[in-house]
Amino acid sequence: MAKLFTSLLLLFCFDAFDFVGKTVHIMDGDTIEVLHDGQPEKIRLYGIDCPEVAHKQGEQTQPFGAKAKEFTALFCGNKNIRVVTKGKDRYDRTIGIIYLDDGKCLNEELLKAGLAWHYRKYDQTQAWIDLEAIARKNKTGLWNDQNPLPPWEYRHPKK
């Protein structure tokens, strides 16, 4: 019976994350590269959307985009992280939830810091809805701006 319990526990633990890898590049607040089986893999953070960072000459960085990227770099840059995968996006990036060894979740920490929108179009986690609401109420990070523009509107302005 003890062996069965241990086997079930191990199975549950291995299902708790899909892989562990070292962060090798921070592309922006919600996109990183992680070594997975010796190869860099782009990870797009699940359920959140950070302000945009300019990637090409002539592009503009959205307010708080640089702060979100810096926050992500401080949180997981050059560190081993656990990635819970949620599938792939249309750009073939892995969608994931990122955890450090201490159990902190990058996706949640960005919401708490007011450096990301909860992307309700793709996720309805009540705890994450609440984290964004608290950051908004306390005017934390980008919520200190009078009219913060969601990244999905910044990327695709209405004509």
Foldseek 3Di string as FASTA:
>chain_A
DVVVVVVVVVVVVCLVFPDKFAWAAQPWLFWTWTQDPNDTAIEGEPQKAFFADDPDPPDHGAVLGRVSSVVNCVVGNRHIWTWHFDQADPVRHTYTWIADPVGDTSRLVCLQQVGIDGNVVGDDPPVSVVSNVVCLVVCGGPSVDPDGDHRVCVVPPDD
